[in-house]
Amino acid sequence: MARVRFQSMSVPEILERYPASLPVFRRFGIEPDGYAALAHESLVATCKVHQLDGDAVAKALEQATAGEA
C-alpha cells in the first residue's frame, strides 16, 4: 500500500481525524458501524479482510481528505 498516511491507522481513527472519509469507506463496502474489529486493525488489514485493493482505497482517501490534512 503506497499511501503511508493511512497505512497504520484504523478505520475509526481515520474517520475521527478525516470525517470526509466516510463516503469512501461506504463506496468500498466498509460500514464503520457494522464491523467491531475495525477499531483493532489497520487499514491494510481491513483491506485484506475485505479483499480490497489497498492502494485504491488509500488513493480515494487521499483525494477525499486532501483539504482536511
C-alpha atoms as a PDB file:
ATOM      1  CA  MET A   1       0.000   0.000   0.000  1.00  0.00           C
ATOM      2  CA  ALA A   2       1.685   3.163  -1.201  1.00  0.00           C
ATOM      3  CA  ARG A   3      -0.246   5.752   0.805  1.00  0.00           C
ATOM      4  CA  VAL A   4       1.674   5.851   4.078  1.00  0.00           C
ATOM      5  CA  ARG A   5      -0.544   8.430   5.795  1.00  0.00           C
ATOM      6  CA  PHE A   6      -3.352   5.914   6.365  1.00  0.00           C
ATOM      7  CA  GLN A   7      -1.442   2.645   6.412  1.00  0.00           C
ATOM      8  CA  SER A   8      -1.231   2.052  10.171  1.00  0.00           C
ATOM      9  CA  MET A   9      -4.420   3.886  11.159  1.00  0.00           C
ATOM     10  CA  SER A  10      -7.665   2.060  11.909  1.00  0.00           C
ATOM     11  CA  VAL A  11     -10.888   2.988  10.157  1.00  0.00           C
ATOM     12  CA  PRO A  12     -12.289   4.699  13.306  1.00  0.00           C
ATOM     13  CA  GLU A  13      -9.051   6.709  13.663  1.00  0.00           C
ATOM     14  CA  ILE A  14      -9.260   7.819  10.048  1.00  0.00           C
ATOM     15  CA  LEU A  15     -12.919   8.785  10.434  1.00  0.00           C
ATOM     16  CA  GLU A  16     -12.249  10.755  13.608  1.00  0.00           C
ATOM     17  CA  ARG A  17      -9.445  12.739  12.025  1.00  0.00           C
ATOM     18  CA  TYR A  18     -10.896  12.933   8.500  1.00  0.00           C
ATOM     19  CA  PRO A  19     -14.732  12.972   8.511  1.00  0.00           C
ATOM     20  CA  ALA A  20     -14.771  13.252   4.705  1.00  0.00           C
ATOM     21  CA  SER A  21     -13.519   9.667   4.567  1.00  0.00           C
ATOM     22  CA  LEU A  22     -16.922   8.151   5.414  1.00  0.00           C
ATOM     23  CA  PRO A  23     -18.259   8.127   1.823  1.00  0.00           C
ATOM     24  CA  VAL A  24     -15.025   6.491   0.669  1.00  0.00           C
ATOM     25  CA  PHE A  25     -15.390   3.638   3.125  1.00  0.00           C
ATOM     26  CA  ARG A  26     -19.020   3.151   2.147  1.00  0.00           C
ATOM     27  CA  ARG A  27     -18.152   3.184  -1.559  1.00  0.00           C
ATOM     28  CA  PHE A  28     -15.746   0.311  -0.940  1.00  0.00           C
ATOM     29  CA  GLY A  29     -18.293  -1.601   1.161  1.00  0.00           C
ATOM     30  CA  ILE A  30     -16.754  -0.876   4.565  1.00  0.00           C
ATOM     31  CA  GLU A  31     -19.506   0.058   7.031  1.00  0.00           C
ATOM     32  CA  PRO A  32     -17.720   1.553  10.040  1.00  0.00           C
ATOM     33  CA  ASP A  33     -20.562   0.741  12.434  1.00  0.00           C
ATOM     34  CA  GLY A  34     -21.060  -2.796  11.215  1.00  0.00           C
ATOM     35  CA  TYR A  35     -17.725  -4.415  11.989  1.00  0.00           C
ATOM     36  CA  ALA A  36     -16.347  -4.192  15.548  1.00  0.00           C
ATOM     37  CA  ALA A  37     -12.849  -5.393  14.607  1.00  0.00           C
ATOM     38  CA  LEU A  38     -12.272  -2.204  12.577  1.00  0.00           C
ATOM     39  CA  ALA A  39     -11.188  -0.473  15.781  1.00  0.00           C
ATOM     40  CA  HIS A  40      -8.413  -3.010  16.266  1.00  0.00           C
ATOM     41  CA  GLU A  41      -6.953  -3.428  12.794  1.00  0.00           C
ATOM     42  CA  SER A  42      -5.013  -1.177  10.455  1.00  0.00           C
ATOM     43  CA  LEU A  43      -6.375  -0.021   7.123  1.00  0.00           C
ATOM     44  CA  VAL A  44      -4.033  -2.522   5.480  1.00  0.00           C
ATOM     45  CA  ALA A  45      -5.572  -5.377   7.482  1.00  0.00           C
ATOM     46  CA  THR A  46      -9.106  -4.135   6.819  1.00  0.00           C
ATOM     47  CA  CYS A  47      -8.438  -4.107   3.087  1.00  0.00           C
ATOM     48  CA  LYS A  48      -7.061  -7.642   3.224  1.00  0.00           C
ATOM     49  CA  VAL A  49     -10.055  -8.916   5.214  1.00  0.00           C
ATOM     50  CA  HIS A  50     -12.482  -7.312   2.758  1.00  0.00           C
ATOM     51  CA  GLN A  51     -10.388  -8.368  -0.256  1.00  0.00           C
ATOM     52  CA  LEU A  52      -9.974  -4.777  -1.414  1.00  0.00           C
ATOM     53  CA  ASP A  53      -7.174  -3.125  -3.323  1.00  0.00           C
ATOM     54  CA  GLY A  54      -5.492  -1.215  -0.508  1.00  0.00           C
ATOM     55  CA  ASP A  55      -3.812   1.208  -2.896  1.00  0.00           C
ATOM     56  CA  ALA A  56      -7.167   2.106  -4.472  1.00  0.00           C
ATOM     57  CA  VAL A  57      -8.755   2.677  -1.062  1.00  0.00           C
ATOM     58  CA  ALA A  58      -5.824   4.767   0.144  1.00  0.00           C
ATOM     59  CA  LYS A  59      -5.787   6.819  -3.064  1.00  0.00           C
ATOM     60  CA  ALA A  60      -9.510   7.522  -2.709  1.00  0.00           C
ATOM     61  CA  LEU A  61      -8.964   8.520   0.931  1.00  0.00           C
ATOM     62  CA  GLU A  62      -6.121  10.859  -0.070  1.00  0.00           C
ATOM     63  CA  GLN A  63      -8.356  12.556  -2.621  1.00  0.00           C
ATOM     64  CA  ALA A  64     -11.348  12.835  -0.302  1.00  0.00           C
ATOM     65  CA  THR A  65      -9.372  14.194   2.637  1.00  0.00           C
ATOM     66  CA  ALA A  66      -6.915  16.465   0.827  1.00  0.00           C
ATOM     67  CA  GLY A  67      -8.398  19.610   2.391  1.00  0.00           C
ATOM     68  CA  GLU A  68      -8.502  18.142   5.896  1.00  0.00           C
ATOM     69  CA  ALA A  69      -4.791  17.447   6.364  1.00  0.00           C
END
